[in-house]
Amino acid sequence: MQKACLECGEKLVGREDKKFCSDYCRNAHHNKANKDSTKLVRNTNNQLRRNYRILQDLNPENKTKTSKSKLLARGFNFEFFTSIYTTKAGTVYYFVYDQGYLPLENDFYALVKRN
């Protein structure tokens, strides 16, 4: 019984358990299979990276205060963060890796850096 490449259908020669005729076909097959999840992960990572850069740029001294409008004007998306830290007093900080923000009154945010 002759087996065919899962990607291009070409006749396979070699090992009995071989599934692809070349590295190109193997990579193409797996790239197609993971296309949808890769797009989601890529877009999420891009937004996290953007949020991180914005916090880093606005917080050069590792502790400052800024407005929500300033964050939004730079493209900050509050739906993307990597962790939440709640203090013993119940204060909730949102972090993008080591850069964090704390919602304050009147649409202001305290920006901090975790050491």
PDB file of N, CA and C in Angstrom:
ATOM      1  N   MET A   1       0.836  -1.185   0.000  1.00  0.00           N
ATOM      2  CA  MET A   1       0.000   0.000   0.000  1.00  0.00           C
ATOM      3  C   MET A   1       0.883   1.251   0.000  1.00  0.00           C
ATOM      4  N   GLN A   2       0.664   2.134  -0.930  1.00  0.00           N
ATOM      5  CA  GLN A   2       1.459   3.347  -1.110  1.00  0.00           C
ATOM      6  C   GLN A   2       0.826   4.509  -0.342  1.00  0.00           C
ATOM      7  N   LYS A   3       1.622   5.200   0.467  1.00  0.00           N
ATOM      8  CA  LYS A   3       1.118   6.340   1.235  1.00  0.00           C
ATOM      9  C   LYS A   3       1.422   7.634   0.490  1.00  0.00           C
ATOM     10  N   ALA A   4       0.604   8.657   0.768  1.00  0.00           N
ATOM     11  CA  ALA A   4       0.775   9.954   0.119  1.00  0.00           C
ATOM     12  C   ALA A   4       1.016  11.039   1.170  1.00  0.00           C
ATOM     13  N   CYS A   5       1.713  12.093   0.768  1.00  0.00           N
ATOM     14  CA  CYS A   5       1.991  13.253   1.616  1.00  0.00           C
ATOM     15  C   CYS A   5       0.661  13.887   2.047  1.00  0.00           C
ATOM     16  N   LEU A   6       0.531  14.179   3.329  1.00  0.00           N
ATOM     17  CA  LEU A   6      -0.708  14.777   3.844  1.00  0.00           C
ATOM     18  C   LEU A   6      -0.955  16.178   3.293  1.00  0.00           C
ATOM     19  N   GLU A   7       0.086  16.858   2.838  1.00  0.00           N
ATOM     20  CA  GLU A   7      -0.064  18.227   2.331  1.00  0.00           C
ATOM     21  C   GLU A   7      -0.291  18.280   0.829  1.00  0.00           C
ATOM     22  N   CYS A   8       0.597  17.673   0.068  1.00  0.00           N
ATOM     23  CA  CYS A   8       0.519  17.820  -1.396  1.00  0.00           C
ATOM     24  C   CYS A   8       0.029  16.561  -2.117  1.00  0.00           C
ATOM     25  N   GLY A   9      -0.014  15.425  -1.422  1.00  0.00           N
ATOM     26  CA  GLY A   9      -0.498  14.190  -2.032  1.00  0.00           C
ATOM     27  C   GLY A   9       0.551  13.406  -2.791  1.00  0.00           C
ATOM     28  N   GLU A  10       1.790  13.887  -2.836  1.00  0.00           N
ATOM     29  CA  GLU A  10       2.866  13.196  -3.543  1.00  0.00           C
ATOM     30  C   GLU A  10       3.186  11.863  -2.865  1.00  0.00           C
ATOM     31  N   LYS A  11       3.601  10.888  -3.666  1.00  0.00           N
ATOM     32  CA  LYS A  11       3.942   9.557  -3.174  1.00  0.00           C
ATOM     33  C   LYS A  11       5.129   9.651  -2.211  1.00  0.00           C
ATOM     34  N   LEU A  12       5.009   8.960  -1.070  1.00  0.00           N
ATOM     35  CA  LEU A  12       6.061   9.000  -0.063  1.00  0.00           C
ATOM     36  C   LEU A  12       7.044   7.852  -0.248  1.00  0.00           C
ATOM     37  N   VAL A  13       8.322   8.184  -0.136  1.00  0.00           N
ATOM     38  CA  VAL A  13       9.390   7.208  -0.236  1.00  0.00           C
ATOM     39  C   VAL A  13      10.227   7.329   1.032  1.00  0.00           C
ATOM     40  N   GLY A  14      10.558   6.187   1.644  1.00  0.00           N
ATOM     41  CA  GLY A  14      11.388   6.231   2.834  1.00  0.00           C
ATOM     42  C   GLY A  14      10.762   5.470   3.976  1.00  0.00           C
ATOM     43  N   ARG A  15      10.839   6.044   5.154  1.00  0.00           N
ATOM     44  CA  ARG A  15      10.341   5.380   6.362  1.00  0.00           C
ATOM     45  C   ARG A  15       8.862   5.042   6.259  1.00  0.00           C
ATOM     46  N   GLU A  16       8.491   3.975   6.916  1.00  0.00           N
ATOM     47  CA  GLU A  16       7.115   3.482   6.869  1.00  0.00           C
ATOM     48  C   GLU A  16       6.132   4.450   7.537  1.00  0.00           C
ATOM     49  N   ASP A  17       6.584   5.158   8.583  1.00  0.00           N
ATOM     50  CA  ASP A  17       5.694   6.061   9.314  1.00  0.00           C
ATOM     51  C   ASP A  17       5.770   7.520   8.833  1.00  0.00           C
ATOM     52  N   LYS A  18       6.402   7.734   7.691  1.00  0.00           N
ATOM     53  CA  LYS A  18       6.555   9.076   7.133  1.00  0.00           C
ATOM     54  C   LYS A  18       5.191   9.639   6.720  1.00  0.00           C
ATOM     55  N   LYS A  19       4.943  10.941   7.015  1.00  0.00           N
ATOM     56  CA  LYS A  19       3.662  11.561   6.691  1.00  0.00           C
ATOM     57  C   LYS A  19       3.777  12.664   5.648  1.00  0.00           C
ATOM     58  N   PHE A  20       4.970  13.238   5.484  1.00  0.00           N
ATOM     59  CA  PHE A  20       5.179  14.358   4.565  1.00  0.00           C
ATOM     60  C   PHE A  20       6.373  14.088   3.670  1.00  0.00           C
ATOM     61  N   CYS A  21       6.322  14.638   2.460  1.00  0.00           N
ATOM     62  CA  CYS A  21       7.412  14.401   1.511  1.00  0.00           C
ATOM     63  C   CYS A  21       8.609  15.315   1.757  1.00  0.00           C
ATOM     64  N   SER A  22       8.395  16.452   2.461  1.00  0.00           N
ATOM     65  CA  SER A  22       9.491  17.394   2.699  1.00  0.00           C
ATOM     66  C   SER A  22       9.198  18.238   3.941  1.00  0.00           C
ATOM     67  N   ASP A  23      10.218  18.961   4.387  1.00  0.00           N
ATOM     68  CA  ASP A  23      10.038  19.884   5.502  1.00  0.00           C
ATOM     69  C   ASP A  23       9.054  20.993   5.125  1.00  0.00           C
ATOM     70  N   TYR A  24       9.107  21.437   3.885  1.00  0.00           N
ATOM     71  CA  TYR A  24       8.195  22.483   3.417  1.00  0.00           C
ATOM     72  C   TYR A  24       6.740  22.042   3.596  1.00  0.00           C
ATOM     73  N   CYS A  25       6.411  20.819   3.147  1.00  0.00           N
ATOM     74  CA  CYS A  25       5.040  20.316   3.280  1.00  0.00           C
ATOM     75  C   CYS A  25       4.645  20.124   4.742  1.00  0.00           C
ATOM     76  N   ARG A  26       5.568  19.649   5.556  1.00  0.00           N
ATOM     77  CA  ARG A  26       5.283  19.468   6.981  1.00  0.00           C
ATOM     78  C   ARG A  26       4.969  20.810   7.639  1.00  0.00           C
ATOM     79  N   ASN A  27       5.799  21.820   7.372  1.00  0.00           N
ATOM     80  CA  ASN A  27       5.578  23.147   7.944  1.00  0.00           C
ATOM     81  C   ASN A  27       4.290  23.778   7.428  1.00  0.00           C
ATOM     82  N   ALA A  28       4.038  23.656   6.131  1.00  0.00           N
ATOM     83  CA  ALA A  28       2.824  24.222   5.540  1.00  0.00           C
ATOM     84  C   ALA A  28       1.581  23.589   6.160  1.00  0.00           C
ATOM     85  N   HIS A  29       1.610  22.283   6.336  1.00  0.00           N
ATOM     86  CA  HIS A  29       0.474  21.564   6.921  1.00  0.00           C
ATOM     87  C   HIS A  29       0.189  22.048   8.351  1.00  0.00           C
ATOM     88  N   HIS A  30       1.224  22.140   9.182  1.00  0.00           N
ATOM     89  CA  HIS A  30       1.044  22.550  10.571  1.00  0.00           C
ATOM     90  C   HIS A  30       0.680  24.039  10.681  1.00  0.00           C
ATOM     91  N   ASN A  31       1.220  24.874   9.806  1.00  0.00           N
ATOM     92  CA  ASN A  31       0.858  26.293   9.802  1.00  0.00           C
ATOM     93  C   ASN A  31      -0.620  26.482   9.477  1.00  0.00           C
ATOM     94  N   LYS A  32      -1.133  25.705   8.524  1.00  0.00           N
ATOM     95  CA  LYS A  32      -2.561  25.784   8.177  1.00  0.00           C
ATOM     96  C   LYS A  32      -3.424  25.310   9.344  1.00  0.00           C
ATOM     97  N   ALA A  33      -2.995  24.249  10.000  1.00  0.00           N
ATOM     98  CA  ALA A  33      -3.765  23.675  11.109  1.00  0.00           C
ATOM     99  C   ALA A  33      -3.831  24.634  12.297  1.00  0.00           C
ATOM    100  N   ASN A  34      -2.773  25.413  12.526  1.00  0.00           N
ATOM    101  CA  ASN A  34      -2.708  26.314  13.689  1.00  0.00           C
ATOM    102  C   ASN A  34      -3.010  27.766  13.345  1.00  0.00           C
ATOM    103  N   LYS A  35      -3.482  28.033  12.163  1.00  0.00           N
ATOM    104  CA  LYS A  35      -3.676  29.398  11.676  1.00  0.00           C
ATOM    105  C   LYS A  35      -4.600  30.221  12.577  1.00  0.00           C
ATOM    106  N   ASP A  36      -5.769  29.702  12.936  1.00  0.00           N
ATOM    107  CA  ASP A  36      -6.734  30.461  13.718  1.00  0.00           C
ATOM    108  C   ASP A  36      -6.224  30.778  15.115  1.00  0.00           C
ATOM    109  N   SER A  37      -5.699  29.804  15.818  1.00  0.00           N
ATOM    110  CA  SER A  37      -5.217  30.043  17.172  1.00  0.00           C
ATOM    111  C   SER A  37      -3.983  30.939  17.157  1.00  0.00           C
ATOM    112  N   THR A  38      -3.166  30.840  16.135  1.00  0.00           N
ATOM    113  CA  THR A  38      -1.975  31.670  16.034  1.00  0.00           C
ATOM    114  C   THR A  38      -2.357  33.134  15.895  1.00  0.00           C
ATOM    115  N   LYS A  39      -3.411  33.427  15.141  1.00  0.00           N
ATOM    116  CA  LYS A  39      -3.852  34.808  14.947  1.00  0.00           C
ATOM    117  C   LYS A  39      -4.320  35.400  16.275  1.00  0.00           C
ATOM    118  N   LEU A  40      -5.087  34.653  17.041  1.00  0.00           N
ATOM    119  CA  LEU A  40      -5.573  35.117  18.341  1.00  0.00           C
ATOM    120  C   LEU A  40      -4.409  35.399  19.283  1.00  0.00           C
ATOM    121  N   VAL A  41      -3.475  34.480  19.364  1.00  0.00           N
ATOM    122  CA  VAL A  41      -2.319  34.643  20.245  1.00  0.00           C
ATOM    123  C   VAL A  41      -1.482  35.827  19.802  1.00  0.00           C
ATOM    124  N   ARG A  42      -1.252  35.960  18.516  1.00  0.00           N
ATOM    125  CA  ARG A  42      -0.452  37.069  17.985  1.00  0.00           C
ATOM    126  C   ARG A  42      -1.101  38.416  18.314  1.00  0.00           C
ATOM    127  N   ASN A  43      -2.422  38.527  18.106  1.00  0.00           N
ATOM    128  CA  ASN A  43      -3.116  39.783  18.385  1.00  0.00           C
ATOM    129  C   ASN A  43      -3.108  40.117  19.879  1.00  0.00           C
ATOM    130  N   THR A  44      -3.286  39.094  20.714  1.00  0.00           N
ATOM    131  CA  THR A  44      -3.249  39.302  22.163  1.00  0.00           C
ATOM    132  C   THR A  44      -1.863  39.761  22.602  1.00  0.00           C
ATOM    133  N   ASN A  45      -0.828  39.099  22.126  1.00  0.00           N
ATOM    134  CA  ASN A  45       0.543  39.482  22.479  1.00  0.00           C
ATOM    135  C   ASN A  45       0.882  40.879  21.989  1.00  0.00           C
ATOM    136  N   ASN A  46       0.404  41.237  20.801  1.00  0.00           N
ATOM    137  CA  ASN A  46       0.652  42.586  20.283  1.00  0.00           C
ATOM    138  C   ASN A  46       0.014  43.646  21.180  1.00  0.00           C
ATOM    139  N   GLN A  47      -1.217  43.400  21.635  1.00  0.00           N
ATOM    140  CA  GLN A  47      -1.884  44.366  22.503  1.00  0.00           C
ATOM    141  C   GLN A  47      -1.206  44.446  23.865  1.00  0.00           C
ATOM    142  N   LEU A  48      -0.788  43.306  24.421  1.00  0.00           N
ATOM    143  CA  LEU A  48      -0.051  43.320  25.685  1.00  0.00           C
ATOM    144  C   LEU A  48       1.256  44.095  25.542  1.00  0.00           C
ATOM    145  N   ARG A  49       1.955  43.884  24.443  1.00  0.00           N
ATOM    146  CA  ARG A  49       3.210  44.598  24.187  1.00  0.00           C
ATOM    147  C   ARG A  49       2.956  46.100  24.088  1.00  0.00           C
ATOM    148  N   ARG A  50       1.883  46.491  23.389  1.00  0.00           N
ATOM    149  CA  ARG A  50       1.535  47.903  23.239  1.00  0.00           C
ATOM    150  C   ARG A  50       1.211  48.507  24.613  1.00  0.00           C
ATOM    151  N   ASN A  51       0.383  47.817  25.407  1.00  0.00           N
ATOM    152  CA  ASN A  51       0.045  48.295  26.742  1.00  0.00           C
ATOM    153  C   ASN A  51       1.294  48.455  27.613  1.00  0.00           C
ATOM    154  N   TYR A  52       2.198  47.491  27.533  1.00  0.00           N
ATOM    155  CA  TYR A  52       3.427  47.539  28.328  1.00  0.00           C
ATOM    156  C   TYR A  52       4.260  48.759  27.959  1.00  0.00           C
ATOM    157  N   ARG A  53       4.435  49.008  26.659  1.00  0.00           N
ATOM    158  CA  ARG A  53       5.234  50.157  26.209  1.00  0.00           C
ATOM    159  C   ARG A  53       4.618  51.472  26.657  1.00  0.00           C
ATOM    160  N   ILE A  54       3.302  51.563  26.606  1.00  0.00           N
ATOM    161  CA  ILE A  54       2.608  52.787  27.024  1.00  0.00           C
ATOM    162  C   ILE A  54       2.843  53.033  28.511  1.00  0.00           C
ATOM    163  N   LEU A  55       2.654  52.007  29.338  1.00  0.00           N
ATOM    164  CA  LEU A  55       2.884  52.160  30.771  1.00  0.00           C
ATOM    165  C   LEU A  55       4.337  52.512  31.062  1.00  0.00           C
ATOM    166  N   GLN A  56       5.244  51.885  30.361  1.00  0.00           N
ATOM    167  CA  GLN A  56       6.670  52.133  30.555  1.00  0.00           C
ATOM    168  C   GLN A  56       7.028  53.575  30.173  1.00  0.00           C
ATOM    169  N   ASP A  57       6.492  54.064  29.066  1.00  0.00           N
ATOM    170  CA  ASP A  57       6.775  55.431  28.614  1.00  0.00           C
ATOM    171  C   ASP A  57       6.204  56.477  29.575  1.00  0.00           C
ATOM    172  N   LEU A  58       5.008  56.223  30.086  1.00  0.00           N
ATOM    173  CA  LEU A  58       4.368  57.187  30.972  1.00  0.00           C
ATOM    174  C   LEU A  58       4.859  57.102  32.414  1.00  0.00           C
ATOM    175  N   ASN A  59       5.657  56.094  32.733  1.00  0.00           N
ATOM    176  CA  ASN A  59       6.103  55.868  34.104  1.00  0.00           C
ATOM    177  C   ASN A  59       7.628  55.714  34.193  1.00  0.00           C
ATOM    178  N   PRO A  60       8.391  56.731  33.785  1.00  0.00           N
ATOM    179  CA  PRO A  60       9.858  56.596  33.793  1.00  0.00           C
ATOM    180  C   PRO A  60      10.469  56.551  35.194  1.00  0.00           C
ATOM    181  N   GLU A  61       9.768  57.111  36.189  1.00  0.00           N
ATOM    182  CA  GLU A  61      10.284  57.147  37.566  1.00  0.00           C
ATOM    183  C   GLU A  61       9.796  55.976  38.413  1.00  0.00           C
ATOM    184  N   ASN A  62       9.058  55.038  37.786  1.00  0.00           N
ATOM    185  CA  ASN A  62       8.527  53.838  38.440  1.00  0.00           C
ATOM    186  C   ASN A  62       7.360  54.096  39.400  1.00  0.00           C
ATOM    187  N   LYS A  63       6.900  55.328  39.499  1.00  0.00           N
ATOM    188  CA  LYS A  63       5.706  55.646  40.278  1.00  0.00           C
ATOM    189  C   LYS A  63       5.230  57.033  39.874  1.00  0.00           C
ATOM    190  N   THR A  64       4.033  57.093  39.285  1.00  0.00           N
ATOM    191  CA  THR A  64       3.502  58.376  38.835  1.00  0.00           C
ATOM    192  C   THR A  64       1.985  58.291  38.731  1.00  0.00           C
ATOM    193  N   LYS A  65       1.387  59.370  38.259  1.00  0.00           N
ATOM    194  CA  LYS A  65      -0.061  59.450  38.108  1.00  0.00           C
ATOM    195  C   LYS A  65      -0.355  59.981  36.709  1.00  0.00           C
ATOM    196  N   THR A  66      -1.405  59.439  36.065  1.00  0.00           N
ATOM    197  CA  THR A  66      -1.789  59.896  34.728  1.00  0.00           C
ATOM    198  C   THR A  66      -3.302  59.805  34.573  1.00  0.00           C
ATOM    199  N   SER A  67      -3.790  60.400  33.497  1.00  0.00           N
ATOM    200  CA  SER A  67      -5.240  60.385  33.251  1.00  0.00           C
ATOM    201  C   SER A  67      -5.618  59.251  32.295  1.00  0.00           C
ATOM    202  N   LYS A  68      -6.867  58.869  32.376  1.00  0.00           N
ATOM    203  CA  LYS A  68      -7.390  57.828  31.493  1.00  0.00           C
ATOM    204  C   LYS A  68      -7.319  58.286  30.042  1.00  0.00           C
ATOM    205  N   SER A  69      -7.599  59.548  29.791  1.00  0.00           N
ATOM    206  CA  SER A  69      -7.582  60.071  28.419  1.00  0.00           C
ATOM    207  C   SER A  69      -6.189  59.983  27.801  1.00  0.00           C
ATOM    208  N   LYS A  70      -5.157  60.190  28.606  1.00  0.00           N
ATOM    209  CA  LYS A  70      -3.782  60.079  28.104  1.00  0.00           C
ATOM    210  C   LYS A  70      -3.463  58.638  27.698  1.00  0.00           C
ATOM    211  N   LEU A  71      -3.915  57.692  28.518  1.00  0.00           N
ATOM    212  CA  LEU A  71      -3.702  56.273  28.207  1.00  0.00           C
ATOM    213  C   LEU A  71      -4.458  55.881  26.935  1.00  0.00           C
ATOM    214  N   LEU A  72      -5.726  56.277  26.847  1.00  0.00           N
ATOM    215  CA  LEU A  72      -6.543  55.927  25.683  1.00  0.00           C
ATOM    216  C   LEU A  72      -6.017  56.574  24.401  1.00  0.00           C
ATOM    217  N   ALA A  73      -5.523  57.801  24.508  1.00  0.00           N
ATOM    218  CA  ALA A  73      -4.990  58.505  23.332  1.00  0.00           C
ATOM    219  C   ALA A  73      -3.791  57.775  22.734  1.00  0.00           C
ATOM    220  N   ARG A  74      -3.052  57.061  23.566  1.00  0.00           N
ATOM    221  CA  ARG A  74      -1.893  56.303  23.084  1.00  0.00           C
ATOM    222  C   ARG A  74      -2.258  54.899  22.612  1.00  0.00           C
ATOM    223  N   GLY A  75      -3.523  54.507  22.785  1.00  0.00           N
ATOM    224  CA  GLY A  75      -3.959  53.191  22.321  1.00  0.00           C
ATOM    225  C   GLY A  75      -4.006  52.124  23.392  1.00  0.00           C
ATOM    226  N   PHE A  76      -4.009  52.527  24.654  1.00  0.00           N
ATOM    227  CA  PHE A  76      -4.060  51.571  25.752  1.00  0.00           C
ATOM    228  C   PHE A  76      -5.417  50.883  25.779  1.00  0.00           C
ATOM    229  N   ASN A  77      -5.417  49.556  25.986  1.00  0.00           N
ATOM    230  CA  ASN A  77      -6.652  48.787  26.054  1.00  0.00           C
ATOM    231  C   ASN A  77      -6.739  48.153  27.442  1.00  0.00           C
ATOM    232  N   PHE A  78      -7.719  48.585  28.238  1.00  0.00           N
ATOM    233  CA  PHE A  78      -7.846  48.134  29.623  1.00  0.00           C
ATOM    234  C   PHE A  78      -8.295  46.679  29.747  1.00  0.00           C
ATOM    235  N   GLU A  79      -8.679  46.048  28.658  1.00  0.00           N
ATOM    236  CA  GLU A  79      -9.103  44.650  28.701  1.00  0.00           C
ATOM    237  C   GLU A  79      -7.927  43.675  28.690  1.00  0.00           C
ATOM    238  N   PHE A  80      -6.727  44.161  28.393  1.00  0.00           N
ATOM    239  CA  PHE A  80      -5.560  43.291  28.292  1.00  0.00           C
ATOM    240  C   PHE A  80      -4.563  43.592  29.403  1.00  0.00           C
ATOM    241  N   PHE A  81      -4.383  42.633  30.298  1.00  0.00           N
ATOM    242  CA  PHE A  81      -3.386  42.713  31.360  1.00  0.00           C
ATOM    243  C   PHE A  81      -2.978  41.284  31.699  1.00  0.00           C
ATOM    244  N   THR A  82      -1.856  41.138  32.397  1.00  0.00           N
ATOM    245  CA  THR A  82      -1.338  39.790  32.659  1.00  0.00           C
ATOM    246  C   THR A  82      -1.652  39.284  34.058  1.00  0.00           C
ATOM    247  N   SER A  83      -1.860  40.193  35.023  1.00  0.00           N
ATOM    248  CA  SER A  83      -2.177  39.742  36.371  1.00  0.00           C
ATOM    249  C   SER A  83      -2.876  40.835  37.162  1.00  0.00           C
ATOM    250  N   ILE A  84      -3.501  40.406  38.262  1.00  0.00           N
ATOM    251  CA  ILE A  84      -4.170  41.312  39.189  1.00  0.00           C
ATOM    252  C   ILE A  84      -3.562  41.085  40.561  1.00  0.00           C
ATOM    253  N   TYR A  85      -3.261  42.176  41.243  1.00  0.00           N
ATOM    254  CA  TYR A  85      -2.723  42.081  42.601  1.00  0.00           C
ATOM    255  C   TYR A  85      -3.651  42.836  43.540  1.00  0.00           C
ATOM    256  N   THR A  86      -4.127  42.153  44.560  1.00  0.00           N
ATOM    257  CA  THR A  86      -4.991  42.766  45.558  1.00  0.00           C
ATOM    258  C   THR A  86      -4.217  42.882  46.865  1.00  0.00           C
ATOM    259  N   THR A  87      -4.136  44.091  47.407  1.00  0.00           N
ATOM    260  CA  THR A  87      -3.425  44.313  48.667  1.00  0.00           C
ATOM    261  C   THR A  87      -4.278  43.827  49.832  1.00  0.00           C
ATOM    262  N   LYS A  88      -3.679  43.783  51.019  1.00  0.00           N
ATOM    263  CA  LYS A  88      -4.416  43.377  52.217  1.00  0.00           C
ATOM    264  C   LYS A  88      -5.570  44.324  52.502  1.00  0.00           C
ATOM    265  N   ALA A  89      -5.417  45.590  52.093  1.00  0.00           N
ATOM    266  CA  ALA A  89      -6.464  46.595  52.303  1.00  0.00           C
ATOM    267  C   ALA A  89      -7.576  46.479  51.259  1.00  0.00           C
ATOM    268  N   GLY A  90      -7.382  45.631  50.252  1.00  0.00           N
ATOM    269  CA  GLY A  90      -8.408  45.428  49.233  1.00  0.00           C
ATOM    270  C   GLY A  90      -8.222  46.260  47.980  1.00  0.00           C
ATOM    271  N   THR A  91      -7.131  46.987  47.874  1.00  0.00           N
ATOM    272  CA  THR A  91      -6.829  47.784  46.685  1.00  0.00           C
ATOM    273  C   THR A  91      -6.414  46.850  45.557  1.00  0.00           C
ATOM    274  N   VAL A  92      -6.974  47.068  44.364  1.00  0.00           N
ATOM    275  CA  VAL A  92      -6.718  46.174  43.230  1.00  0.00           C
ATOM    276  C   VAL A  92      -5.831  46.867  42.189  1.00  0.00           C
ATOM    277  N   TYR A  93      -4.649  46.297  41.960  1.00  0.00           N
ATOM    278  CA  TYR A  93      -3.723  46.758  40.932  1.00  0.00           C
ATOM    279  C   TYR A  93      -3.805  45.801  39.740  1.00  0.00           C
ATOM    280  N   TYR A  94      -3.741  46.346  38.546  1.00  0.00           N
ATOM    281  CA  TYR A  94      -3.702  45.550  37.319  1.00  0.00           C
ATOM    282  C   TYR A  94      -2.296  45.671  36.743  1.00  0.00           C
ATOM    283  N   PHE A  95      -1.709  44.530  36.374  1.00  0.00           N
ATOM    284  CA  PHE A  95      -0.339  44.535  35.872  1.00  0.00           C
ATOM    285  C   PHE A  95      -0.249  43.994  34.451  1.00  0.00           C
ATOM    286  N   VAL A  96       0.637  44.613  33.678  1.00  0.00           N
ATOM    287  CA  VAL A  96       1.082  44.097  32.389  1.00  0.00           C
ATOM    288  C   VAL A  96       2.556  43.774  32.629  1.00  0.00           C
ATOM    289  N   TYR A  97       2.814  42.520  32.938  1.00  0.00           N
ATOM    290  CA  TYR A  97       4.126  42.049  33.375  1.00  0.00           C
ATOM    291  C   TYR A  97       4.518  42.789  34.650  1.00  0.00           C
ATOM    292  N   ASP A  98       5.553  43.634  34.625  1.00  0.00           N
ATOM    293  CA  ASP A  98       5.953  44.328  35.858  1.00  0.00           C
ATOM    294  C   ASP A  98       5.452  45.772  35.931  1.00  0.00           C
ATOM    295  N   GLN A  99       4.738  46.241  34.922  1.00  0.00           N
ATOM    296  CA  GLN A  99       4.169  47.585  34.914  1.00  0.00           C
ATOM    297  C   GLN A  99       2.710  47.506  35.327  1.00  0.00           C
ATOM    298  N   GLY A 100       2.329  48.283  36.344  1.00  0.00           N
ATOM    299  CA  GLY A 100       0.972  48.199  36.840  1.00  0.00           C
ATOM    300  C   GLY A 100       0.267  49.530  36.902  1.00  0.00           C
ATOM    301  N   TYR A 101      -1.051  49.453  37.081  1.00  0.00           N
ATOM    302  CA  TYR A 101      -1.848  50.666  37.247  1.00  0.00           C
ATOM    303  C   TYR A 101      -2.969  50.409  38.244  1.00  0.00           C
ATOM    304  N   LEU A 102      -3.320  51.476  38.940  1.00  0.00           N
ATOM    305  CA  LEU A 102      -4.362  51.437  39.958  1.00  0.00           C
ATOM    306  C   LEU A 102      -5.392  52.498  39.606  1.00  0.00           C
ATOM    307  N   PRO A 103      -6.650  52.106  39.380  1.00  0.00           N
ATOM    308  CA  PRO A 103      -7.688  53.105  39.105  1.00  0.00           C
ATOM    309  C   PRO A 103      -7.915  53.995  40.329  1.00  0.00           C
ATOM    310  N   LEU A 104      -7.906  55.316  40.096  1.00  0.00           N
ATOM    311  CA  LEU A 104      -8.169  56.288  41.142  1.00  0.00           C
ATOM    312  C   LEU A 104      -9.474  57.019  40.825  1.00  0.00           C
ATOM    313  N   GLU A 105      -9.792  58.029  41.591  1.00  0.00           N
ATOM    314  CA  GLU A 105     -10.994  58.821  41.349  1.00  0.00           C
ATOM    315  C   GLU A 105     -10.815  59.749  40.153  1.00  0.00           C
ATOM    316  N   ASN A 106     -11.927  60.179  39.579  1.00  0.00           N
ATOM    317  CA  ASN A 106     -11.961  61.159  38.483  1.00  0.00           C
ATOM    318  C   ASN A 106     -11.162  60.726  37.257  1.00  0.00           C
ATOM    319  N   ASP A 107     -11.223  59.454  36.894  1.00  0.00           N
ATOM    320  CA  ASP A 107     -10.540  58.908  35.714  1.00  0.00           C
ATOM    321  C   ASP A 107      -9.029  59.132  35.715  1.00  0.00           C
ATOM    322  N   PHE A 108      -8.417  59.028  36.887  1.00  0.00           N
ATOM    323  CA  PHE A 108      -6.968  59.071  36.993  1.00  0.00           C
ATOM    324  C   PHE A 108      -6.465  57.697  37.392  1.00  0.00           C
ATOM    325  N   TYR A 109      -5.200  57.431  37.070  1.00  0.00           N
ATOM    326  CA  TYR A 109      -4.574  56.148  37.373  1.00  0.00           C
ATOM    327  C   TYR A 109      -3.198  56.375  37.979  1.00  0.00           C
ATOM    328  N   ALA A 110      -2.899  55.605  39.019  1.00  0.00           N
ATOM    329  CA  ALA A 110      -1.560  55.576  39.581  1.00  0.00           C
ATOM    330  C   ALA A 110      -0.779  54.509  38.826  1.00  0.00           C
ATOM    331  N   LEU A 111       0.375  54.855  38.296  1.00  0.00           N
ATOM    332  CA  LEU A 111       1.222  53.901  37.578  1.00  0.00           C
ATOM    333  C   LEU A 111       2.374  53.495  38.497  1.00  0.00           C
ATOM    334  N   VAL A 112       2.636  52.199  38.555  1.00  0.00           N
ATOM    335  CA  VAL A 112       3.696  51.665  39.415  1.00  0.00           C
ATOM    336  C   VAL A 112       4.505  50.617  38.656  1.00  0.00           C
ATOM    337  N   LYS A 113       5.684  50.337  39.183  1.00  0.00           N
ATOM    338  CA  LYS A 113       6.506  49.250  38.642  1.00  0.00           C
ATOM    339  C   LYS A 113       6.796  48.290  39.784  1.00  0.00           C
ATOM    340  N   ARG A 114       6.542  47.015  39.546  1.00  0.00           N
ATOM    341  CA  ARG A 114       6.797  45.975  40.552  1.00  0.00           C
ATOM    342  C   ARG A 114       8.245  45.538  40.444  1.00  0.00           C
ATOM    343  N   ASN A 115       8.925  45.469  41.590  1.00  0.00           N
ATOM    344  CA  ASN A 115      10.341  45.045  41.591  1.00  0.00           C
ATOM    345  C   ASN A 115      10.490  43.567  41.766  1.00  0.00           C
TER     346      ASN A 115
END
